[in-house]
Amino acid sequence: MVVFAPGIMAQRKAQTSFDVVSTYVWRGVAFSGVSIQPSFEYATSKASIGIWGSQGIDGFQEMDPFATFSITDEISLMVTDYYLPGTLYFSIESHAIEAGIQYQRNKWSFSGYYIFAGESSVGDDLYFESSYSTNELTFFLGAGNGWHTSDSEYNLVNIGITKFDELKINDTFSIPISTSVIFNPDSEQLFVLVGLGF
């Protein structure tokens, strides 16, 4: 049970959003082509719960409930339940539950993730990522094992750069746009993708 202080309760907010991406690439692995990715989140100043989804035009689906909590302005904890529709939701074999921690200071970000429950992944999967951001660009480097690699052994899987911009519609309305170039040394795959945020 979570008890929120009155100040936090006053700042709570429900919000929705969705992205459209040319290719759904996660941690250096392509899961689908063109995809719509909606999310619903209920947030306070320190914590949030919600669900993120992806629907590809090729039929691939993913729905991930999540929760986050900010310990300080720089450190956050998160838990994500990875679930693929089409499998039985109440079966442990349909889930991979991951705990994560992120440290962000100035332009640097470091994060680590560990799958501690569920049976849809290899099990005990690890993933670490660091990134550096400027006003327009983010450079990132990620490595993992388990379901992140072709042989379950630890390896670099996610090296890339993302440029953030805005697609101006008129003087009062613009759409956030991001373009990423991603290389996966483990699978030797190169991706170029674009995403629009709404």
C-alpha atoms as a PDB file:
ATOM      1  CA  MET A   1       0.000   0.000   0.000  1.00  0.00           C
ATOM      2  CA  VAL A   2       1.304   3.448  -0.950  1.00  0.00           C
ATOM      3  CA  VAL A   3       0.303   6.488   1.087  1.00  0.00           C
ATOM      4  CA  PHE A   4       0.830   9.858  -0.578  1.00  0.00           C
ATOM      5  CA  ALA A   5       1.405  13.052   1.373  1.00  0.00           C
ATOM      6  CA  PRO A   6      -1.155  15.861   0.773  1.00  0.00           C
ATOM      7  CA  GLY A   7       1.392  17.894  -1.200  1.00  0.00           C
ATOM      8  CA  ILE A   8       2.048  15.005  -3.550  1.00  0.00           C
ATOM      9  CA  MET A   9      -1.622  14.200  -3.943  1.00  0.00           C
ATOM     10  CA  ALA A  10      -2.297  17.786  -5.003  1.00  0.00           C
ATOM     11  CA  GLN A  11       0.165  17.365  -7.873  1.00  0.00           C
ATOM     12  CA  ARG A  12      -1.187  14.089  -9.231  1.00  0.00           C
ATOM     13  CA  LYS A  13      -2.104  14.016 -12.912  1.00  0.00           C
ATOM     14  CA  ALA A  14      -3.367  11.558 -15.512  1.00  0.00           C
ATOM     15  CA  GLN A  15      -1.895  11.924 -18.971  1.00  0.00           C
ATOM     16  CA  THR A  16      -1.953  10.142 -22.308  1.00  0.00           C
ATOM     17  CA  SER A  17       0.314  10.277 -25.337  1.00  0.00           C
ATOM     18  CA  PHE A  18       1.290   8.263 -28.374  1.00  0.00           C
ATOM     19  CA  ASP A  19       4.198   7.986 -30.775  1.00  0.00           C
ATOM     20  CA  VAL A  20       4.389   6.789 -34.354  1.00  0.00           C
ATOM     21  CA  VAL A  21       7.696   5.146 -35.303  1.00  0.00           C
ATOM     22  CA  SER A  22       8.961   3.913 -38.655  1.00  0.00           C
ATOM     23  CA  THR A  23      10.543   0.863 -36.979  1.00  0.00           C
ATOM     24  CA  TYR A  24      10.131  -0.386 -33.419  1.00  0.00           C
ATOM     25  CA  VAL A  25      13.702  -0.929 -32.203  1.00  0.00           C
ATOM     26  CA  TRP A  26      14.307  -1.603 -28.489  1.00  0.00           C
ATOM     27  CA  ARG A  27      17.790  -1.987 -27.051  1.00  0.00           C
ATOM     28  CA  GLY A  28      19.222  -2.648 -30.479  1.00  0.00           C
ATOM     29  CA  VAL A  29      16.639  -5.253 -31.550  1.00  0.00           C
ATOM     30  CA  ALA A  30      13.913  -4.629 -34.152  1.00  0.00           C
ATOM     31  CA  PHE A  31      10.548  -6.056 -33.087  1.00  0.00           C
ATOM     32  CA  SER A  32       8.242  -4.543 -35.675  1.00  0.00           C
ATOM     33  CA  GLY A  33       7.954  -2.149 -38.608  1.00  0.00           C
ATOM     34  CA  VAL A  34       5.791   0.958 -38.562  1.00  0.00           C
ATOM     35  CA  SER A  35       4.115   1.067 -35.144  1.00  0.00           C
ATOM     36  CA  ILE A  36       1.741   3.182 -33.065  1.00  0.00           C
ATOM     37  CA  GLN A  37       2.840   3.350 -29.425  1.00  0.00           C
ATOM     38  CA  PRO A  38       0.271   4.751 -26.975  1.00  0.00           C
ATOM     39  CA  SER A  39       0.760   5.250 -23.255  1.00  0.00           C
ATOM     40  CA  PHE A  40      -1.395   6.092 -20.249  1.00  0.00           C
ATOM     41  CA  GLU A  41       0.236   7.356 -17.067  1.00  0.00           C
ATOM     42  CA  TYR A  42      -0.953   8.555 -13.675  1.00  0.00           C
ATOM     43  CA  ALA A  43       1.786  10.617 -12.087  1.00  0.00           C
ATOM     44  CA  THR A  44       2.605  12.586  -8.974  1.00  0.00           C
ATOM     45  CA  SER A  45       5.693  14.678  -8.362  1.00  0.00           C
ATOM     46  CA  LYS A  46       7.606  11.589  -7.185  1.00  0.00           C
ATOM     47  CA  ALA A  47       5.904   8.488  -8.569  1.00  0.00           C
ATOM     48  CA  SER A  48       3.930   7.231 -11.535  1.00  0.00           C
ATOM     49  CA  ILE A  49       2.101   4.137 -12.708  1.00  0.00           C
ATOM     50  CA  GLY A  50       0.940   3.433 -16.205  1.00  0.00           C
ATOM     51  CA  ILE A  51       0.993   1.225 -19.257  1.00  0.00           C
ATOM     52  CA  TRP A  52       2.867   1.562 -22.547  1.00  0.00           C
ATOM     53  CA  GLY A  53       1.926  -0.297 -25.697  1.00  0.00           C
ATOM     54  CA  SER A  54       3.041  -0.907 -29.255  1.00  0.00           C
ATOM     55  CA  GLN A  55       0.865  -1.944 -32.186  1.00  0.00           C
ATOM     56  CA  GLY A  56       2.702  -2.697 -35.425  1.00  0.00           C
ATOM     57  CA  ILE A  57       1.077  -2.698 -38.837  1.00  0.00           C
ATOM     58  CA  ASP A  58       2.523  -6.200 -39.194  1.00  0.00           C
ATOM     59  CA  GLY A  59       0.409  -7.366 -36.241  1.00  0.00           C
ATOM     60  CA  PHE A  60       3.100  -7.388 -33.531  1.00  0.00           C
ATOM     61  CA  GLN A  61       1.731  -6.233 -30.155  1.00  0.00           C
ATOM     62  CA  GLU A  62       3.320  -5.416 -26.818  1.00  0.00           C
ATOM     63  CA  MET A  63       1.699  -4.039 -23.643  1.00  0.00           C
ATOM     64  CA  ASP A  64       3.917  -3.116 -20.675  1.00  0.00           C
ATOM     65  CA  PRO A  65       2.537  -1.973 -17.300  1.00  0.00           C
ATOM     66  CA  PHE A  66       5.133   0.027 -15.349  1.00  0.00           C
ATOM     67  CA  ALA A  67       5.777   1.972 -12.161  1.00  0.00           C
ATOM     68  CA  THR A  68       8.466   4.550 -11.386  1.00  0.00           C
ATOM     69  CA  PHE A  69       9.609   6.340  -8.251  1.00  0.00           C
ATOM     70  CA  SER A  70      12.067   9.217  -7.910  1.00  0.00           C
ATOM     71  CA  ILE A  71      14.314   8.818  -4.875  1.00  0.00           C
ATOM     72  CA  THR A  72      16.075  12.133  -5.571  1.00  0.00           C
ATOM     73  CA  ASP A  73      16.223  14.543  -8.484  1.00  0.00           C
ATOM     74  CA  GLU A  74      18.990  12.368  -9.922  1.00  0.00           C
ATOM     75  CA  ILE A  75      18.025   8.782  -9.020  1.00  0.00           C
ATOM     76  CA  SER A  76      14.894   6.908 -10.123  1.00  0.00           C
ATOM     77  CA  LEU A  77      13.662   3.348  -9.647  1.00  0.00           C
ATOM     78  CA  MET A  78      11.340   1.528 -12.027  1.00  0.00           C
ATOM     79  CA  VAL A  79       9.571  -1.795 -12.505  1.00  0.00           C
ATOM     80  CA  THR A  80       8.261  -2.950 -15.894  1.00  0.00           C
ATOM     81  CA  ASP A  81       6.157  -5.992 -16.769  1.00  0.00           C
ATOM     82  CA  TYR A  82       6.777  -7.004 -20.398  1.00  0.00           C
ATOM     83  CA  TYR A  83       3.722  -8.748 -21.847  1.00  0.00           C
ATOM     84  CA  LEU A  84       2.879  -9.812 -25.421  1.00  0.00           C
ATOM     85  CA  PRO A  85      -0.883 -10.006 -26.213  1.00  0.00           C
ATOM     86  CA  GLY A  86      -1.913 -13.322 -27.662  1.00  0.00           C
ATOM     87  CA  THR A  87      -0.421 -15.187 -24.726  1.00  0.00           C
ATOM     88  CA  LEU A  88      -2.383 -15.931 -21.552  1.00  0.00           C
ATOM     89  CA  TYR A  89      -2.089 -12.891 -19.276  1.00  0.00           C
ATOM     90  CA  PHE A  90      -2.360 -14.805 -15.999  1.00  0.00           C
ATOM     91  CA  SER A  91       0.335 -17.294 -16.979  1.00  0.00           C
ATOM     92  CA  ILE A  92       3.814 -16.620 -15.570  1.00  0.00           C
ATOM     93  CA  GLU A  93       5.201 -17.797 -18.924  1.00  0.00           C
ATOM     94  CA  SER A  94       3.672 -14.690 -20.561  1.00  0.00           C
ATOM     95  CA  HIS A  95       5.660 -12.170 -18.526  1.00  0.00           C
ATOM     96  CA  ALA A  96       9.153 -10.868 -17.899  1.00  0.00           C
ATOM     97  CA  ILE A  97       9.315  -8.504 -14.919  1.00  0.00           C
ATOM     98  CA  GLU A  98      12.239  -6.116 -14.769  1.00  0.00           C
ATOM     99  CA  ALA A  99      13.618  -3.802 -12.074  1.00  0.00           C
ATOM    100  CA  GLY A 100      15.689  -0.817 -13.075  1.00  0.00           C
ATOM    101  CA  ILE A 101      17.610   2.113 -11.671  1.00  0.00           C
ATOM    102  CA  GLN A 102      18.620   5.299 -13.454  1.00  0.00           C
ATOM    103  CA  TYR A 103      21.093   7.983 -12.416  1.00  0.00           C
ATOM    104  CA  GLN A 104      20.997  11.263 -14.318  1.00  0.00           C
ATOM    105  CA  ARG A 105      23.305  14.210 -13.712  1.00  0.00           C
ATOM    106  CA  ASN A 106      23.686  17.173 -16.022  1.00  0.00           C
ATOM    107  CA  LYS A 107      24.043  15.749 -19.527  1.00  0.00           C
ATOM    108  CA  TRP A 108      24.931  12.187 -18.472  1.00  0.00           C
ATOM    109  CA  SER A 109      22.612   9.280 -17.750  1.00  0.00           C
ATOM    110  CA  PHE A 110      23.457   5.777 -16.490  1.00  0.00           C
ATOM    111  CA  SER A 111      20.926   2.967 -16.065  1.00  0.00           C
ATOM    112  CA  GLY A 112      20.846  -0.708 -15.191  1.00  0.00           C
ATOM    113  CA  TYR A 113      18.074  -3.298 -15.489  1.00  0.00           C
ATOM    114  CA  TYR A 114      17.558  -6.832 -14.198  1.00  0.00           C
ATOM    115  CA  ILE A 115      14.765  -9.299 -15.008  1.00  0.00           C
ATOM    116  CA  PHE A 116      13.924 -10.956 -11.711  1.00  0.00           C
ATOM    117  CA  ALA A 117      10.595 -12.715 -12.404  1.00  0.00           C
ATOM    118  CA  GLY A 118       8.509 -14.189 -15.177  1.00  0.00           C
ATOM    119  CA  GLU A 119       9.362 -16.904 -17.657  1.00  0.00           C
ATOM    120  CA  SER A 120       9.081 -15.294 -21.106  1.00  0.00           C
ATOM    121  CA  SER A 121      12.758 -14.246 -21.107  1.00  0.00           C
ATOM    122  CA  VAL A 122      15.962 -16.239 -20.671  1.00  0.00           C
ATOM    123  CA  GLY A 123      15.950 -15.309 -16.978  1.00  0.00           C
ATOM    124  CA  ASP A 124      18.334 -13.176 -14.903  1.00  0.00           C
ATOM    125  CA  ASP A 125      18.746 -10.938 -17.951  1.00  0.00           C
ATOM    126  CA  LEU A 126      20.892  -7.820 -17.466  1.00  0.00           C
ATOM    127  CA  TYR A 127      21.094  -4.615 -19.477  1.00  0.00           C
ATOM    128  CA  PHE A 128      23.185  -1.493 -18.869  1.00  0.00           C
ATOM    129  CA  GLU A 129      23.135   1.757 -20.797  1.00  0.00           C
ATOM    130  CA  SER A 130      24.883   5.118 -20.656  1.00  0.00           C
ATOM    131  CA  SER A 131      24.031   8.231 -22.630  1.00  0.00           C
ATOM    132  CA  TYR A 132      25.198  11.787 -23.134  1.00  0.00           C
ATOM    133  CA  SER A 133      22.827  14.518 -24.317  1.00  0.00           C
ATOM    134  CA  THR A 134      23.288  17.946 -25.832  1.00  0.00           C
ATOM    135  CA  ASN A 135      20.476  20.341 -26.769  1.00  0.00           C
ATOM    136  CA  GLU A 136      19.675  18.387 -29.933  1.00  0.00           C
ATOM    137  CA  LEU A 137      21.567  15.099 -29.787  1.00  0.00           C
ATOM    138  CA  THR A 138      21.750  12.057 -27.523  1.00  0.00           C
ATOM    139  CA  PHE A 139      24.586   9.534 -27.850  1.00  0.00           C
ATOM    140  CA  PHE A 140      23.994   6.124 -26.239  1.00  0.00           C
ATOM    141  CA  LEU A 141      25.771   2.841 -25.602  1.00  0.00           C
ATOM    142  CA  GLY A 142      24.076  -0.297 -24.253  1.00  0.00           C
ATOM    143  CA  ALA A 143      25.098  -3.864 -23.452  1.00  0.00           C
ATOM    144  CA  GLY A 144      23.215  -6.865 -22.142  1.00  0.00           C
ATOM    145  CA  ASN A 145      22.818 -10.633 -22.024  1.00  0.00           C
ATOM    146  CA  GLY A 146      19.933 -13.097 -21.978  1.00  0.00           C
ATOM    147  CA  TRP A 147      17.207 -12.158 -24.435  1.00  0.00           C
ATOM    148  CA  HIS A 148      19.194  -9.088 -25.541  1.00  0.00           C
ATOM    149  CA  THR A 149      21.785 -11.163 -27.434  1.00  0.00           C
ATOM    150  CA  SER A 150      21.808 -13.955 -29.985  1.00  0.00           C
ATOM    151  CA  ASP A 151      23.640 -16.439 -27.728  1.00  0.00           C
ATOM    152  CA  SER A 152      22.554 -15.103 -24.294  1.00  0.00           C
ATOM    153  CA  GLU A 153      26.147 -14.057 -23.584  1.00  0.00           C
ATOM    154  CA  TYR A 154      26.951 -10.498 -22.496  1.00  0.00           C
ATOM    155  CA  ASN A 155      27.712  -8.204 -25.433  1.00  0.00           C
ATOM    156  CA  LEU A 156      27.278  -4.701 -26.857  1.00  0.00           C
ATOM    157  CA  VAL A 157      23.858  -4.494 -28.483  1.00  0.00           C
ATOM    158  CA  ASN A 158      22.849  -0.849 -28.745  1.00  0.00           C
ATOM    159  CA  ILE A 159      25.139   1.900 -30.064  1.00  0.00           C
ATOM    160  CA  GLY A 160      23.648   5.000 -31.597  1.00  0.00           C
ATOM    161  CA  ILE A 161      22.682   8.619 -31.822  1.00  0.00           C
ATOM    162  CA  THR A 162      19.304  10.356 -31.718  1.00  0.00           C
ATOM    163  CA  LYS A 163      18.558  13.855 -32.990  1.00  0.00           C
ATOM    164  CA  PHE A 164      15.560  15.698 -31.581  1.00  0.00           C
ATOM    165  CA  ASP A 165      13.724  18.356 -33.554  1.00  0.00           C
ATOM    166  CA  GLU A 166      10.272  19.795 -34.177  1.00  0.00           C
ATOM    167  CA  LEU A 167       8.105  19.494 -37.266  1.00  0.00           C
ATOM    168  CA  LYS A 168       6.473  22.911 -37.541  1.00  0.00           C
ATOM    169  CA  ILE A 169       2.859  22.762 -38.718  1.00  0.00           C
ATOM    170  CA  ASN A 170       2.027  26.446 -38.238  1.00  0.00           C
ATOM    171  CA  ASP A 171       2.988  29.341 -35.966  1.00  0.00           C
ATOM    172  CA  THR A 172       1.276  27.808 -32.942  1.00  0.00           C
ATOM    173  CA  PHE A 173       1.580  24.058 -33.457  1.00  0.00           C
ATOM    174  CA  SER A 174       4.548  21.752 -33.966  1.00  0.00           C
ATOM    175  CA  ILE A 175       5.157  17.986 -33.574  1.00  0.00           C
ATOM    176  CA  PRO A 176       8.235  16.591 -31.786  1.00  0.00           C
ATOM    177  CA  ILE A 177      10.290  14.461 -34.147  1.00  0.00           C
ATOM    178  CA  SER A 178      13.300  12.243 -33.487  1.00  0.00           C
ATOM    179  CA  THR A 179      15.639  10.476 -35.877  1.00  0.00           C
ATOM    180  CA  SER A 180      17.905   7.658 -34.679  1.00  0.00           C
ATOM    181  CA  VAL A 181      20.782   5.706 -36.151  1.00  0.00           C
ATOM    182  CA  ILE A 182      21.343   2.465 -34.219  1.00  0.00           C
ATOM    183  CA  PHE A 183      23.906  -0.302 -34.655  1.00  0.00           C
ATOM    184  CA  ASN A 184      23.800  -3.658 -32.869  1.00  0.00           C
ATOM    185  CA  PRO A 185      27.308  -5.221 -32.832  1.00  0.00           C
ATOM    186  CA  ASP A 186      25.941  -8.539 -31.556  1.00  0.00           C
ATOM    187  CA  SER A 187      23.514  -9.108 -34.438  1.00  0.00           C
ATOM    188  CA  GLU A 188      25.459  -6.889 -36.885  1.00  0.00           C
ATOM    189  CA  GLN A 189      22.286  -4.972 -37.739  1.00  0.00           C
ATOM    190  CA  LEU A 190      22.043  -1.271 -38.625  1.00  0.00           C
ATOM    191  CA  PHE A 191      18.806   0.706 -38.249  1.00  0.00           C
ATOM    192  CA  VAL A 192      17.700   4.212 -39.210  1.00  0.00           C
ATOM    193  CA  LEU A 193      14.315   5.230 -37.862  1.00  0.00           C
ATOM    194  CA  VAL A 194      12.143   8.244 -37.246  1.00  0.00           C
ATOM    195  CA  GLY A 195       9.506   8.875 -34.582  1.00  0.00           C
ATOM    196  CA  LEU A 196       6.729  11.440 -34.171  1.00  0.00           C
ATOM    197  CA  GLY A 197       5.328  12.328 -30.747  1.00  0.00           C
ATOM    198  CA  PHE A 198       1.736  13.380 -29.981  1.00  0.00           C
END
